[in-house]
């Protein structure tokens, strides 16, 4: 009679041998899961093998679709990055042009202020009364106080008060 330990060792030996052979088969190359490919090394029913084949094909199709979408996304990402770079460049060009326009505008405003500072107060008052309020205030605010006083004194009192309030920075009052 065989001892139980000896029987256990024999079973363990055969199990280890089977495991080793399966690992060797796996390392040499994965066997096909389908009987349709003619390389069926597993003992499985044809129905299961066919089902596995169909599922494998579905999986491979989805994998191809995912890879295609990833390529499309990379192309879209590249296009978006190019457009973003173009917009950034365009934005910097617009900003530069706006700064040049602002500089020209400031230069022209200074020239206009100089002209009003050299003008006779009565003539300057007449022109400032017919001018846009914001522009008149901008011009007056850049003049010396004696020039402002001369120009405002040459205006009708209502218009002079209106511009004086605007010069103070307070909102105009309703009378």
Protein backbone atom coordinates (compact mmCIF):
# COMPACT_ATOMS: atom_id res chain seq x y z
CA UNK A 1 0.00 0.00 0.00
CA UNK A 2 1.22 3.45 -0.94
CA UNK A 3 1.52 6.03 1.65
CA UNK A 4 -0.62 9.19 1.35
CA UNK A 5 2.47 11.42 1.25
CA UNK A 6 3.89 9.44 -1.67
CA UNK A 7 0.57 9.69 -3.54
CA UNK A 8 0.49 13.44 -2.86
CA UNK A 9 4.08 13.82 -4.20
CA UNK A 10 3.21 11.87 -7.39
CA UNK A 11 0.11 14.02 -8.01
CA UNK A 12 2.10 17.17 -7.34
CA UNK A 13 4.80 16.04 -9.77
CA UNK A 14 2.28 15.43 -12.60
CA UNK A 15 0.51 18.72 -11.87
CA UNK A 16 3.84 20.60 -11.97
CA UNK A 17 4.80 18.82 -15.21
CA UNK A 18 1.46 19.79 -16.83
CA UNK A 19 1.90 23.39 -15.64
CA UNK A 20 5.43 23.50 -17.02
CA UNK A 21 4.30 22.14 -20.41
CA UNK A 22 1.46 24.68 -20.59
CA UNK A 23 3.88 27.50 -19.80
CA UNK A 24 6.28 26.26 -22.50
CA UNK A 25 3.44 26.23 -25.04
CA UNK A 26 2.42 29.75 -23.97
CA UNK A 27 5.99 31.08 -24.22
CA UNK A 28 6.52 29.59 -27.68
CA UNK A 29 3.47 31.38 -29.00
CA UNK A 30 -0.09 31.79 -27.97
CA UNK A 31 -2.25 29.18 -29.57
CA UNK A 32 -5.24 30.33 -31.56
CA UNK A 33 -8.57 30.27 -29.79
CA UNK A 34 -10.50 29.37 -32.88
CA UNK A 35 -10.98 26.10 -34.64
CA UNK A 36 -11.63 28.12 -37.80
CA UNK A 37 -8.00 29.12 -37.92
CA UNK A 38 -7.06 25.45 -38.06
CA UNK A 39 -4.72 25.65 -35.10
CA UNK A 40 -6.96 24.53 -32.25
CA UNK A 41 -4.80 23.18 -29.48
CA UNK A 42 -7.44 23.46 -26.79
CA UNK A 43 -10.02 20.82 -26.41
CA UNK A 44 -13.11 22.97 -26.53
CA UNK A 45 -16.38 22.46 -28.34
CA UNK A 46 -16.67 24.11 -31.76
CA UNK A 47 -19.57 26.29 -30.55
CA UNK A 48 -17.38 27.83 -27.84
CA UNK A 49 -14.50 28.19 -30.24
CA UNK A 50 -16.75 29.93 -32.79
CA UNK A 51 -18.12 32.23 -30.13
CA UNK A 52 -14.60 33.11 -29.02
CA UNK A 53 -13.64 33.78 -32.62
CA UNK A 54 -16.61 36.13 -33.12
CA UNK A 55 -15.86 37.96 -29.86
CA UNK A 56 -12.21 38.28 -30.82
CA UNK A 57 -13.15 39.78 -34.18
CA UNK A 58 -15.50 42.26 -32.46
CA UNK A 59 -12.75 43.20 -30.07
CA UNK A 60 -10.23 43.69 -32.87
CA UNK A 61 -12.74 45.81 -34.83
CA UNK A 62 -13.35 48.03 -31.80
CA UNK A 63 -9.62 48.28 -31.26
CA UNK A 64 -9.14 49.44 -34.86
CA UNK A 65 -11.93 52.02 -34.41
CA UNK A 66 -10.35 53.32 -31.22
CA UNK A 67 -6.96 53.61 -32.92
CA UNK A 68 -8.58 55.44 -35.86
CA UNK A 69 -10.30 57.88 -33.50
CA UNK A 70 -7.07 58.45 -31.62
CA UNK A 71 -5.35 59.36 -34.91
CA UNK A 72 -8.22 61.71 -35.78
CA UNK A 73 -8.05 63.30 -32.32
CA UNK A 74 -4.31 63.82 -32.65
CA UNK A 75 -4.86 65.53 -36.02
CA UNK A 76 -7.62 67.71 -34.56
CA UNK A 77 -5.45 68.55 -31.57
CA UNK A 78 -2.64 69.58 -33.92
CA UNK A 79 -5.01 71.77 -35.95
CA UNK A 80 -6.39 73.39 -32.81
CA UNK A 81 -2.87 74.08 -31.58
CA UNK A 82 -1.94 75.66 -34.92
CA UNK A 83 -5.09 77.80 -34.86
CA UNK A 84 -4.40 78.81 -31.27
CA UNK A 85 -0.87 79.86 -32.22
CA UNK A 86 -2.24 81.84 -35.17
CA UNK A 87 -4.82 83.53 -32.93
CA UNK A 88 -2.17 84.36 -30.35
CA UNK A 89 0.02 85.89 -33.03
CA UNK A 90 -2.94 87.82 -34.45
CA UNK A 91 -3.87 89.03 -30.99
CA UNK A 92 -0.36 90.33 -30.37
CA UNK A 93 -0.39 92.08 -33.77
CA UNK A 94 -3.76 93.70 -32.96
CA UNK A 95 -2.48 94.77 -29.54
CA UNK A 96 0.60 96.31 -31.14
CA UNK A 97 -1.52 98.20 -33.68
CA UNK A 98 -3.87 99.42 -30.94
CA UNK A 99 -0.89 100.74 -29.02
CA UNK A 100 0.33 102.58 -32.12
CA UNK A 101 -3.15 104.03 -32.69
CA UNK A 102 -3.34 105.06 -29.04
CA UNK A 103 0.07 106.75 -29.30
CA UNK A 104 -1.05 108.61 -32.43
CA UNK A 105 -4.30 109.60 -30.71
CA UNK A 106 -2.40 110.89 -27.67
CA UNK A 107 -0.01 112.80 -29.90
CA UNK A 108 -2.88 114.44 -31.76
CA UNK A 109 -4.66 115.27 -28.50
CA UNK A 110 -1.49 116.94 -27.18
CA UNK A 111 -1.24 118.93 -30.41
CA UNK A 112 -4.86 120.02 -30.03
CA UNK A 113 -4.30 120.98 -26.39
CA UNK A 114 -1.29 123.05 -27.42
CA UNK A 115 -3.39 124.81 -30.06
CA UNK A 116 -6.10 125.66 -27.51
CA UNK A 117 -3.50 126.90 -25.04
CA UNK A 118 -2.21 129.35 -27.65
CA UNK A 119 -5.70 130.43 -28.77
CA UNK A 120 -7.43 133.58 -27.53
CA UNK A 121 -9.78 132.70 -24.62
CA UNK A 122 -12.93 133.97 -26.39
CA UNK A 123 -12.22 131.89 -29.50
CA UNK A 124 -11.34 128.80 -27.44
CA UNK A 125 -14.50 129.26 -25.35
CA UNK A 126 -16.66 129.47 -28.48
CA UNK A 127 -15.21 126.25 -29.91
CA UNK A 128 -15.29 124.33 -26.61
CA UNK A 129 -19.00 125.16 -26.14
CA UNK A 130 -19.83 123.43 -29.44
CA UNK A 131 -17.59 120.44 -28.74
CA UNK A 132 -18.37 117.06 -27.22
CA UNK A 133 -18.37 117.34 -23.43
CA UNK A 134 -15.75 114.62 -22.83
CA UNK A 135 -13.37 116.12 -25.37
CA UNK A 136 -13.85 119.65 -24.00
CA UNK A 137 -13.14 118.39 -20.47
CA UNK A 138 -10.08 116.50 -21.70
CA UNK A 139 -8.70 119.63 -23.35
CA UNK A 140 -9.50 121.91 -20.40
CA UNK A 141 -7.98 119.49 -17.90
CA UNK A 142 -4.62 119.71 -19.67
CA UNK A 143 -4.48 123.51 -19.66
CA UNK A 144 -3.02 125.73 -16.94
CA UNK A 145 -5.46 127.07 -14.36
CA UNK A 146 -5.15 130.69 -15.60
CA UNK A 147 -5.99 129.54 -19.14
CA UNK A 148 -9.01 127.56 -17.87
CA UNK A 149 -10.22 130.60 -15.94
CA UNK A 150 -9.91 132.86 -19.00
CA UNK A 151 -11.77 130.40 -21.24
CA UNK A 152 -14.57 129.69 -18.74
CA UNK A 153 -15.05 133.42 -18.10
CA UNK A 154 -15.57 133.92 -21.83
CA UNK A 155 -18.44 131.37 -21.85
CA UNK A 156 -22.07 131.88 -20.85
CA UNK A 157 -22.47 131.08 -17.10
CA UNK A 158 -24.59 127.93 -17.67
CA UNK A 159 -22.09 126.37 -20.07
CA UNK A 160 -19.12 127.41 -17.88
CA UNK A 161 -20.76 125.85 -14.80
CA UNK A 162 -21.55 122.68 -16.76
CA UNK A 163 -17.92 122.28 -17.88
CA UNK A 164 -16.57 123.27 -14.44
CA UNK A 165 -18.65 120.52 -12.83
CA UNK A 166 -17.42 118.06 -15.42
CA UNK A 167 -13.83 119.14 -14.75
CA UNK A 168 -14.32 118.47 -11.04
CA UNK A 169 -15.10 114.83 -11.75
CA UNK A 170 -18.52 114.91 -10.08
CA UNK A 171 -21.57 113.89 -12.11
CA UNK A 172 -23.62 116.79 -13.49
CA UNK A 173 -26.56 117.87 -11.38
CA UNK A 174 -30.09 118.33 -12.60
CA UNK A 175 -31.60 121.77 -11.94
